[in-house]
Amino acid sequence: MSHHKAISSTLTTVILIAVTLACAGVVAYMFSTVPSQPQQNVPKALISIVKISSESDGLYAYVYNYGSTTVSVKEVYVDGNPISFQVKNLDGSAAGTLSPSTMYKVLVGASGSKISKELDIVLDTGDVIRYYVGK
């Protein structure tokens, strides 16, 4: 009887070691197949449209740069249509770029203009900041 118990405990130990090694191999394989390049859809800039405001001189999108990178507005679309735009500092002076930790206002329409569906701001990084109008 003691001979069978010795074989049984030895066999159990060998099986346990084999299962542990197999699990370690699977984990090692999973980590070796993780891509070293960043994913393509990760935004390069952290810009947010904080609010849309109709003011006496036009319709503005207030944007804040939460990131650590200075970016530029390349294009603006209102309801899918390209429009001319102006990026301004909060005091109304012209701003060429969106510096980190700063709020800006982007003129996206004439006084009395409205956005029916969405506003898209395209940055020089290729990122698109989209604002949907709630109904």
Protein backbone atom coordinates (compact mmCIF):
# COMPACT_ATOMS: atom_id res chain seq x y z
CA MET A 1 0.00 0.00 0.00
CA SER A 2 2.76 2.45 0.87
CA HIS A 3 4.37 1.80 -2.53
CA HIS A 4 1.19 2.96 -4.33
CA LYS A 5 0.95 6.06 -2.13
CA ALA A 6 4.55 6.98 -2.95
CA ILE A 7 3.94 6.61 -6.70
CA SER A 8 0.65 8.50 -6.41
CA SER A 9 2.19 11.48 -4.57
CA THR A 10 5.18 11.54 -6.94
CA LEU A 11 2.87 11.42 -9.96
CA THR A 12 0.73 14.22 -8.47
CA THR A 13 3.84 16.36 -7.96
CA VAL A 14 5.03 15.77 -11.54
CA ILE A 15 1.59 16.65 -12.93
CA LEU A 16 1.43 19.79 -10.80
CA ILE A 17 4.87 20.90 -12.01
CA ALA A 18 3.87 20.23 -15.64
CA VAL A 19 0.67 22.27 -15.31
CA THR A 20 2.58 25.15 -13.66
CA LEU A 21 5.18 25.17 -16.44
CA ALA A 22 2.48 25.07 -19.09
CA CYS A 23 0.70 28.08 -17.52
CA ALA A 24 3.99 29.97 -17.28
CA GLY A 25 4.64 29.24 -20.96
CA VAL A 26 1.22 30.56 -21.98
CA VAL A 27 1.74 33.76 -19.97
CA ALA A 28 5.24 34.23 -21.44
CA TYR A 29 3.85 33.75 -24.96
CA MET A 30 1.07 36.29 -24.36
CA PHE A 31 3.57 38.93 -23.23
CA SER A 32 5.89 38.22 -26.14
CA THR A 33 3.07 38.89 -28.65
CA VAL A 34 2.06 42.28 -27.20
CA PRO A 35 2.79 44.92 -29.87
CA SER A 36 5.62 47.26 -28.98
CA GLN A 37 4.20 50.09 -31.12
CA PRO A 38 1.42 52.29 -29.72
CA GLN A 39 -2.03 51.68 -31.16
CA GLN A 40 -2.90 53.82 -34.15
CA ASN A 41 -6.21 55.08 -32.75
CA VAL A 42 -4.78 56.57 -29.56
CA PRO A 43 -5.20 60.35 -29.69
CA LYS A 44 -1.98 62.35 -29.85
CA ALA A 45 -3.57 65.42 -28.26
CA LEU A 46 -5.95 65.80 -25.35
CA ILE A 47 -8.28 68.55 -26.52
CA SER A 48 -11.87 68.90 -25.38
CA ILE A 49 -14.72 71.07 -26.58
CA VAL A 50 -15.94 72.50 -23.29
CA LYS A 51 -18.96 74.42 -24.56
CA ILE A 52 -20.61 76.05 -27.55
CA SER A 53 -21.61 79.68 -27.04
CA SER A 54 -23.57 82.08 -29.22
CA GLU A 55 -22.09 85.53 -28.65
CA SER A 56 -22.74 88.94 -30.18
CA ASP A 57 -19.90 88.57 -32.72
CA GLY A 58 -20.40 84.89 -33.62
CA LEU A 59 -20.77 81.27 -32.61
CA TYR A 60 -17.81 79.95 -30.61
CA ALA A 61 -16.55 76.56 -29.53
CA TYR A 62 -14.56 76.84 -26.31
CA VAL A 63 -11.72 74.29 -26.35
CA TYR A 64 -9.25 73.31 -23.65
CA ASN A 65 -5.89 71.62 -24.22
CA TYR A 66 -5.47 69.08 -21.40
CA GLY A 67 -2.38 67.58 -23.01
CA SER A 68 1.29 68.42 -22.90
CA THR A 69 1.61 69.06 -26.64
CA THR A 70 0.95 72.30 -28.52
CA VAL A 71 -1.33 71.65 -31.51
CA SER A 72 -2.99 73.65 -34.29
CA VAL A 73 -6.52 73.57 -35.66
CA LYS A 74 -6.30 72.45 -39.26
CA GLU A 75 -9.97 72.27 -40.31
CA VAL A 76 -13.44 72.79 -38.86
CA TYR A 77 -16.67 71.14 -40.04
CA VAL A 78 -20.19 72.09 -39.01
CA ASP A 79 -22.76 69.39 -39.78
CA GLY A 80 -20.25 67.80 -42.17
CA ASN A 81 -19.54 70.98 -44.13
CA PRO A 82 -16.09 72.62 -44.07
CA ILE A 83 -16.14 76.20 -42.77
CA SER A 84 -13.69 79.02 -42.28
CA PHE A 85 -12.71 79.51 -38.65
CA GLN A 86 -10.60 81.64 -36.34
CA VAL A 87 -8.76 80.48 -33.21
CA LYS A 88 -8.70 83.15 -30.52
CA ASN A 89 -7.42 83.64 -27.00
CA LEU A 90 -10.13 84.31 -24.44
CA ASP A 91 -9.44 88.06 -24.69
CA GLY A 92 -10.33 87.88 -28.41
CA SER A 93 -6.80 88.24 -29.79
CA ALA A 94 -5.66 85.83 -32.50
CA ALA A 95 -4.06 82.56 -31.39
CA GLY A 96 -1.97 80.51 -33.78
CA THR A 97 -1.78 77.33 -31.74
CA LEU A 98 -3.43 75.61 -28.78
CA SER A 99 -0.87 75.53 -25.97
CA PRO A 100 -1.17 73.05 -23.08
CA SER A 101 -3.32 73.88 -20.05
CA THR A 102 -5.04 76.76 -21.82
CA MET A 103 -8.61 77.57 -22.89
CA TYR A 104 -9.28 79.02 -26.35
CA LYS A 105 -12.33 79.97 -28.35
CA VAL A 106 -12.78 78.97 -31.96
CA LEU A 107 -15.10 81.08 -34.10
CA VAL A 108 -17.20 78.50 -35.96
CA GLY A 109 -20.01 80.63 -37.34
CA ALA A 110 -21.51 84.09 -37.75
CA SER A 111 -23.73 85.64 -35.13
CA GLY A 112 -27.03 83.76 -35.05
CA SER A 113 -25.48 80.57 -36.54
CA LYS A 114 -26.46 77.19 -35.16
CA ILE A 115 -25.06 73.69 -35.24
CA SER A 116 -27.78 71.18 -36.14
CA LYS A 117 -25.96 67.90 -35.56
CA GLU A 118 -22.24 68.06 -34.88
CA LEU A 119 -19.07 70.10 -34.85
CA ASP A 120 -15.76 68.52 -35.86
CA ILE A 121 -12.42 70.20 -35.15
CA VAL A 122 -9.51 68.56 -37.00
CA LEU A 123 -6.05 69.08 -35.49
CA ASP A 124 -2.68 69.06 -37.23
CA THR A 125 -2.02 65.73 -35.48
CA GLY A 126 -4.89 64.16 -37.42
CA ASP A 127 -7.06 63.87 -34.30
CA VAL A 128 -10.72 64.87 -34.68
CA ILE A 129 -12.58 66.40 -31.76
CA ARG A 130 -16.31 65.88 -32.24
CA TYR A 131 -19.13 67.66 -30.43
CA TYR A 132 -22.66 66.30 -30.85
CA VAL A 133 -25.57 68.68 -30.36
CA GLY A 134 -28.08 67.18 -27.92
CA LYS A 135 -31.77 67.40 -28.67
